[in-house]
Amino acid sequence: MRKVVFPHTNGDAVEPLHTIEVVCGYCGFDLDEAELAAATCSDCGEPLELKQSVSITVTTLPPIFGQTL
């Protein structure tokens, strides 16, 4: 299952663009919502042992040394 979270502000913090991917920990099969609810991988038949990865995309950089040029 792949979920894309678009950048947004959360109070004073900015949450960047990031992608969350959830796969079966045994075989690496890309899981969907129904398989997560069933708690069994439809590819290898094992009980779900989830493996999650998050990739972050930098969209803006804060000024490091005072004013920017």
PDB file of N, CA and C in Angstrom:
ATOM      1  N   MET A   1       0.857  -1.165   0.000  1.00  0.00           N
ATOM      2  CA  MET A   1       0.000   0.000   0.000  1.00  0.00           C
ATOM      3  C   MET A   1       0.901   1.225   0.000  1.00  0.00           C
ATOM      4  N   ARG A   2       0.628   2.123  -0.862  1.00  0.00           N
ATOM      5  CA  ARG A   2       1.411   3.352  -0.960  1.00  0.00           C
ATOM      6  C   ARG A   2       0.490   4.531  -0.693  1.00  0.00           C
ATOM      7  N   LYS A   3       0.888   5.374   0.249  1.00  0.00           N
ATOM      8  CA  LYS A   3       0.094   6.553   0.594  1.00  0.00           C
ATOM      9  C   LYS A   3       0.982   7.787   0.451  1.00  0.00           C
ATOM     10  N   VAL A   4       0.518   8.764  -0.322  1.00  0.00           N
ATOM     11  CA  VAL A   4       1.245  10.017  -0.516  1.00  0.00           C
ATOM     12  C   VAL A   4       0.592  11.080   0.350  1.00  0.00           C
ATOM     13  N   VAL A   5       1.397  11.734   1.199  1.00  0.00           N
ATOM     14  CA  VAL A   5       0.917  12.817   2.054  1.00  0.00           C
ATOM     15  C   VAL A   5       1.506  14.111   1.501  1.00  0.00           C
ATOM     16  N   PHE A   6       0.645  15.002   1.079  1.00  0.00           N
ATOM     17  CA  PHE A   6       1.090  16.256   0.473  1.00  0.00           C
ATOM     18  C   PHE A   6       1.499  17.257   1.550  1.00  0.00           C
ATOM     19  N   PRO A   7       2.399  18.184   1.224  1.00  0.00           N
ATOM     20  CA  PRO A   7       2.891  19.129   2.228  1.00  0.00           C
ATOM     21  C   PRO A   7       1.773  20.017   2.767  1.00  0.00           C
ATOM     22  N   HIS A   8       1.845  20.289   4.068  1.00  0.00           N
ATOM     23  CA  HIS A   8       0.877  21.167   4.708  1.00  0.00           C
ATOM     24  C   HIS A   8       1.467  21.689   6.014  1.00  0.00           C
ATOM     25  N   THR A   9       0.885  22.760   6.523  1.00  0.00           N
ATOM     26  CA  THR A   9       1.349  23.308   7.795  1.00  0.00           C
ATOM     27  C   THR A   9       0.514  22.723   8.926  1.00  0.00           C
ATOM     28  N   ASN A  10       1.191  22.477  10.032  1.00  0.00           N
ATOM     29  CA  ASN A  10       0.562  21.920  11.216  1.00  0.00           C
ATOM     30  C   ASN A  10       0.984  22.806  12.384  1.00  0.00           C
ATOM     31  N   GLY A  11       0.212  23.872  12.613  1.00  0.00           N
ATOM     32  CA  GLY A  11       0.615  24.853  13.622  1.00  0.00           C
ATOM     33  C   GLY A  11       1.807  25.634  13.107  1.00  0.00           C
ATOM     34  N   ASP A  12       2.920  25.604  13.835  1.00  0.00           N
ATOM     35  CA  ASP A  12       4.148  26.290  13.422  1.00  0.00           C
ATOM     36  C   ASP A  12       5.037  25.405  12.554  1.00  0.00           C
ATOM     37  N   ALA A  13       4.743  24.124  12.490  1.00  0.00           N
ATOM     38  CA  ALA A  13       5.580  23.185  11.743  1.00  0.00           C
ATOM     39  C   ALA A  13       5.029  22.966  10.333  1.00  0.00           C
ATOM     40  N   VAL A  14       5.935  22.674   9.414  1.00  0.00           N
ATOM     41  CA  VAL A  14       5.557  22.332   8.050  1.00  0.00           C
ATOM     42  C   VAL A  14       5.836  20.853   7.863  1.00  0.00           C
ATOM     43  N   GLU A  15       4.811  20.108   7.482  1.00  0.00           N
ATOM     44  CA  GLU A  15       4.999  18.684   7.208  1.00  0.00           C
ATOM     45  C   GLU A  15       5.305  18.543   5.718  1.00  0.00           C
ATOM     46  N   PRO A  16       6.457  17.973   5.363  1.00  0.00           N
ATOM     47  CA  PRO A  16       6.861  17.913   3.958  1.00  0.00           C
ATOM     48  C   PRO A  16       6.109  16.833   3.183  1.00  0.00           C
ATOM     49  N   LEU A  17       6.249  16.890   1.870  1.00  0.00           N
ATOM     50  CA  LEU A  17       5.727  15.848   1.003  1.00  0.00           C
ATOM     51  C   LEU A  17       6.439  14.544   1.352  1.00  0.00           C
ATOM     52  N   HIS A  18       5.672  13.486   1.644  1.00  0.00           N
ATOM     53  CA  HIS A  18       6.291  12.194   1.921  1.00  0.00           C
ATOM     54  C   HIS A  18       5.398  11.048   1.480  1.00  0.00           C
ATOM     55  N   THR A  19       6.028   9.914   1.223  1.00  0.00           N
ATOM     56  CA  THR A  19       5.339   8.717   0.766  1.00  0.00           C
ATOM     57  C   THR A  19       5.571   7.607   1.778  1.00  0.00           C
ATOM     58  N   ILE A  20       4.482   6.940   2.183  1.00  0.00           N
ATOM     59  CA  ILE A  20       4.559   5.825   3.111  1.00  0.00           C
ATOM     60  C   ILE A  20       4.206   4.563   2.333  1.00  0.00           C
ATOM     61  N   GLU A  21       5.084   3.557   2.386  1.00  0.00           N
ATOM     62  CA  GLU A  21       4.851   2.311   1.684  1.00  0.00           C
ATOM     63  C   GLU A  21       4.833   1.169   2.687  1.00  0.00           C
ATOM     64  N   VAL A  22       3.811   0.294   2.620  1.00  0.00           N
ATOM     65  CA  VAL A  22       3.668  -0.840   3.525  1.00  0.00           C
ATOM     66  C   VAL A  22       3.691  -2.119   2.695  1.00  0.00           C
ATOM     67  N   VAL A  23       4.615  -3.042   3.040  1.00  0.00           N
ATOM     68  CA  VAL A  23       4.734  -4.318   2.325  1.00  0.00           C
ATOM     69  C   VAL A  23       4.796  -5.466   3.327  1.00  0.00           C
ATOM     70  N   CYS A  24       4.623  -6.690   2.843  1.00  0.00           N
ATOM     71  CA  CYS A  24       4.746  -7.890   3.668  1.00  0.00           C
ATOM     72  C   CYS A  24       6.219  -8.046   4.070  1.00  0.00           C
ATOM     73  N   GLY A  25       6.475  -8.278   5.354  1.00  0.00           N
ATOM     74  CA  GLY A  25       7.840  -8.439   5.839  1.00  0.00           C
ATOM     75  C   GLY A  25       8.488  -9.735   5.392  1.00  0.00           C
ATOM     76  N   TYR A  26       7.703 -10.734   5.002  1.00  0.00           N
ATOM     77  CA  TYR A  26       8.234 -12.026   4.567  1.00  0.00           C
ATOM     78  C   TYR A  26       8.629 -12.024   3.102  1.00  0.00           C
ATOM     79  N   CYS A  27       7.708 -11.569   2.230  1.00  0.00           N
ATOM     80  CA  CYS A  27       7.963 -11.694   0.790  1.00  0.00           C
ATOM     81  C   CYS A  27       8.098 -10.348   0.063  1.00  0.00           C
ATOM     82  N   GLY A  28       7.781  -9.224   0.721  1.00  0.00           N
ATOM     83  CA  GLY A  28       7.892  -7.913   0.088  1.00  0.00           C
ATOM     84  C   GLY A  28       6.728  -7.551  -0.806  1.00  0.00           C
ATOM     85  N   PHE A  29       5.623  -8.317  -0.741  1.00  0.00           N
ATOM     86  CA  PHE A  29       4.440  -8.065  -1.569  1.00  0.00           C
ATOM     87  C   PHE A  29       3.777  -6.763  -1.151  1.00  0.00           C
ATOM     88  N   ASP A  30       3.408  -5.935  -2.135  1.00  0.00           N
ATOM     89  CA  ASP A  30       2.734  -4.661  -1.885  1.00  0.00           C
ATOM     90  C   ASP A  30       1.302  -4.945  -1.428  1.00  0.00           C
ATOM     91  N   LEU A  31       0.966  -4.567  -0.200  1.00  0.00           N
ATOM     92  CA  LEU A  31      -0.334  -4.879   0.396  1.00  0.00           C
ATOM     93  C   LEU A  31      -1.348  -3.785   0.127  1.00  0.00           C
ATOM     94  N   ASP A  32      -2.625  -4.170   0.083  1.00  0.00           N
ATOM     95  CA  ASP A  32      -3.700  -3.187  -0.036  1.00  0.00           C
ATOM     96  C   ASP A  32      -4.553  -3.213   1.236  1.00  0.00           C
ATOM     97  N   GLU A  33      -5.557  -2.352   1.287  1.00  0.00           N
ATOM     98  CA  GLU A  33      -6.384  -2.201   2.497  1.00  0.00           C
ATOM     99  C   GLU A  33      -7.060  -3.515   2.912  1.00  0.00           C
ATOM    100  N   ALA A  34      -7.574  -4.288   1.938  1.00  0.00           N
ATOM    101  CA  ALA A  34      -8.275  -5.537   2.256  1.00  0.00           C
ATOM    102  C   ALA A  34      -7.333  -6.557   2.880  1.00  0.00           C
ATOM    103  N   GLU A  35      -6.102  -6.616   2.386  1.00  0.00           N
ATOM    104  CA  GLU A  35      -5.129  -7.559   2.942  1.00  0.00           C
ATOM    105  C   GLU A  35      -4.711  -7.152   4.349  1.00  0.00           C
ATOM    106  N   LEU A  36      -4.631  -5.854   4.601  1.00  0.00           N
ATOM    107  CA  LEU A  36      -4.313  -5.401   5.951  1.00  0.00           C
ATOM    108  C   LEU A  36      -5.413  -5.795   6.929  1.00  0.00           C
ATOM    109  N   ALA A  37      -6.671  -5.721   6.486  1.00  0.00           N
ATOM    110  CA  ALA A  37      -7.791  -6.104   7.346  1.00  0.00           C
ATOM    111  C   ALA A  37      -7.832  -7.611   7.573  1.00  0.00           C
ATOM    112  N   ALA A  38      -7.422  -8.405   6.573  1.00  0.00           N
ATOM    113  CA  ALA A  38      -7.448  -9.864   6.673  1.00  0.00           C
ATOM    114  C   ALA A  38      -6.300 -10.393   7.534  1.00  0.00           C
ATOM    115  N   ALA A  39      -5.237  -9.616   7.719  1.00  0.00           N
ATOM    116  CA  ALA A  39      -4.066  -9.977   8.532  1.00  0.00           C
ATOM    117  C   ALA A  39      -3.305 -11.179   7.985  1.00  0.00           C
ATOM    118  N   THR A  40      -3.465 -11.466   6.677  1.00  0.00           N
ATOM    119  CA  THR A  40      -2.721 -12.534   6.026  1.00  0.00           C
ATOM    120  C   THR A  40      -2.295 -12.055   4.640  1.00  0.00           C
ATOM    121  N   CYS A  41      -1.056 -12.333   4.278  1.00  0.00           N
ATOM    122  CA  CYS A  41      -0.558 -11.944   2.959  1.00  0.00           C
ATOM    123  C   CYS A  41      -1.170 -12.856   1.906  1.00  0.00           C
ATOM    124  N   SER A  42      -1.760 -12.287   0.870  1.00  0.00           N
ATOM    125  CA  SER A  42      -2.380 -13.091  -0.183  1.00  0.00           C
ATOM    126  C   SER A  42      -1.339 -13.681  -1.129  1.00  0.00           C
ATOM    127  N   ASP A  43      -0.104 -13.194  -1.087  1.00  0.00           N
ATOM    128  CA  ASP A  43       0.939 -13.704  -1.972  1.00  0.00           C
ATOM    129  C   ASP A  43       1.637 -14.925  -1.371  1.00  0.00           C
ATOM    130  N   CYS A  44       2.079 -14.841  -0.095  1.00  0.00           N
ATOM    131  CA  CYS A  44       2.818 -15.957   0.505  1.00  0.00           C
ATOM    132  C   CYS A  44       2.006 -16.728   1.552  1.00  0.00           C
ATOM    133  N   GLY A  45       0.855 -16.195   1.987  1.00  0.00           N
ATOM    134  CA  GLY A  45      -0.002 -16.890   2.934  1.00  0.00           C
ATOM    135  C   GLY A  45       0.416 -16.785   4.391  1.00  0.00           C
ATOM    136  N   GLU A  46       1.494 -16.075   4.668  1.00  0.00           N
ATOM    137  CA  GLU A  46       1.984 -15.915   6.043  1.00  0.00           C
ATOM    138  C   GLU A  46       1.152 -14.865   6.782  1.00  0.00           C
ATOM    139  N   PRO A  47       1.066 -14.990   8.119  1.00  0.00           N
ATOM    140  CA  PRO A  47       0.447 -13.911   8.906  1.00  0.00           C
ATOM    141  C   PRO A  47       1.249 -12.626   8.685  1.00  0.00           C
ATOM    142  N   LEU A  48       0.546 -11.503   8.664  1.00  0.00           N
ATOM    143  CA  LEU A  48       1.232 -10.250   8.317  1.00  0.00           C
ATOM    144  C   LEU A  48       2.243  -9.819   9.353  1.00  0.00           C
ATOM    145  N   GLU A  49       3.428  -9.625   8.880  1.00  0.00           N
ATOM    146  CA  GLU A  49       4.520  -8.983   9.605  1.00  0.00           C
ATOM    147  C   GLU A  49       4.868  -7.805   8.699  1.00  0.00           C
ATOM    148  N   LEU A  50       4.370  -6.622   9.052  1.00  0.00           N
ATOM    149  CA  LEU A  50       4.476  -5.468   8.163  1.00  0.00           C
ATOM    150  C   LEU A  50       5.869  -4.864   8.172  1.00  0.00           C
ATOM    151  N   LYS A  51       6.242  -4.379   7.011  1.00  0.00           N
ATOM    152  CA  LYS A  51       7.485  -3.639   6.832  1.00  0.00           C
ATOM    153  C   LYS A  51       7.081  -2.306   6.220  1.00  0.00           C
ATOM    154  N   GLN A  52       7.485  -1.206   6.849  1.00  0.00           N
ATOM    155  CA  GLN A  52       7.061   0.119   6.401  1.00  0.00           C
ATOM    156  C   GLN A  52       8.283   0.962   6.092  1.00  0.00           C
ATOM    157  N   SER A  53       8.202   1.722   5.016  1.00  0.00           N
ATOM    158  CA  SER A  53       9.263   2.667   4.682  1.00  0.00           C
ATOM    159  C   SER A  53       8.637   4.023   4.377  1.00  0.00           C
ATOM    160  N   VAL A  54       9.367   5.069   4.697  1.00  0.00           N
ATOM    161  CA  VAL A  54       8.908   6.435   4.464  1.00  0.00           C
ATOM    162  C   VAL A  54       9.986   7.162   3.675  1.00  0.00           C
ATOM    163  N   SER A  55       9.595   7.783   2.563  1.00  0.00           N
ATOM    164  CA  SER A  55      10.524   8.613   1.805  1.00  0.00           C
ATOM    165  C   SER A  55      10.019  10.047   1.843  1.00  0.00           C
ATOM    166  N   ILE A  56      10.929  10.959   2.146  1.00  0.00           N
ATOM    167  CA  ILE A  56      10.593  12.373   2.315  1.00  0.00           C
ATOM    168  C   ILE A  56      11.185  13.163   1.157  1.00  0.00           C
ATOM    169  N   THR A  57      10.381  14.058   0.596  1.00  0.00           N
ATOM    170  CA  THR A  57      10.826  14.931  -0.483  1.00  0.00           C
ATOM    171  C   THR A  57      10.958  16.347   0.067  1.00  0.00           C
ATOM    172  N   VAL A  58      12.137  16.922  -0.072  1.00  0.00           N
ATOM    173  CA  VAL A  58      12.359  18.291   0.391  1.00  0.00           C
ATOM    174  C   VAL A  58      11.828  19.243  -0.666  1.00  0.00           C
ATOM    175  N   THR A  59      10.865  20.074  -0.267  1.00  0.00           N
ATOM    176  CA  THR A  59      10.267  21.012  -1.220  1.00  0.00           C
ATOM    177  C   THR A  59      10.792  22.430  -1.042  1.00  0.00           C
ATOM    178  N   THR A  60      11.137  22.824   0.172  1.00  0.00           N
ATOM    179  CA  THR A  60      11.722  24.141   0.442  1.00  0.00           C
ATOM    180  C   THR A  60      12.768  23.990   1.534  1.00  0.00           C
ATOM    181  N   LEU A  61      13.714  24.894   1.535  1.00  0.00           N
ATOM    182  CA  LEU A  61      14.739  24.916   2.569  1.00  0.00           C
ATOM    183  C   LEU A  61      14.615  26.203   3.373  1.00  0.00           C
ATOM    184  N   PRO A  62      14.747  26.123   4.690  1.00  0.00           N
ATOM    185  CA  PRO A  62      14.707  27.343   5.499  1.00  0.00           C
ATOM    186  C   PRO A  62      16.002  28.125   5.305  1.00  0.00           C
ATOM    187  N   PRO A  63      15.971  29.442   5.513  1.00  0.00           N
ATOM    188  CA  PRO A  63      17.221  30.208   5.419  1.00  0.00           C
ATOM    189  C   PRO A  63      18.177  29.769   6.530  1.00  0.00           C
ATOM    190  N   ILE A  64      19.420  29.489   6.167  1.00  0.00           N
ATOM    191  CA  ILE A  64      20.389  28.958   7.118  1.00  0.00           C
ATOM    192  C   ILE A  64      21.132  30.085   7.834  1.00  0.00           C
ATOM    193  N   PHE A  65      21.552  31.100   7.095  1.00  0.00           N
ATOM    194  CA  PHE A  65      22.341  32.180   7.664  1.00  0.00           C
ATOM    195  C   PHE A  65      21.622  33.519   7.521  1.00  0.00           C
ATOM    196  N   GLY A  66      20.523  33.710   8.207  1.00  0.00           N
ATOM    197  CA  GLY A  66      19.803  34.979   8.153  1.00  0.00           C
ATOM    198  C   GLY A  66      19.041  35.143   6.852  1.00  0.00           C
ATOM    199  N   GLN A  67      19.254  36.259   6.182  1.00  0.00           N
ATOM    200  CA  GLN A  67      18.521  36.557   4.959  1.00  0.00           C
ATOM    201  C   GLN A  67      19.046  35.742   3.784  1.00  0.00           C
ATOM    202  N   THR A  68      18.147  35.447   2.853  1.00  0.00           N
ATOM    203  CA  THR A  68      18.559  34.758   1.635  1.00  0.00           C
ATOM    204  C   THR A  68      18.862  35.791   0.563  1.00  0.00           C
ATOM    205  N   LEU A  69      19.631  35.403  -0.422  1.00  0.00           N
ATOM    206  CA  LEU A  69      19.995  36.329  -1.490  1.00  0.00           C
ATOM    207  C   LEU A  69      18.947  36.417  -2.537  1.00  0.00           C
TER     208      LEU A  69
END
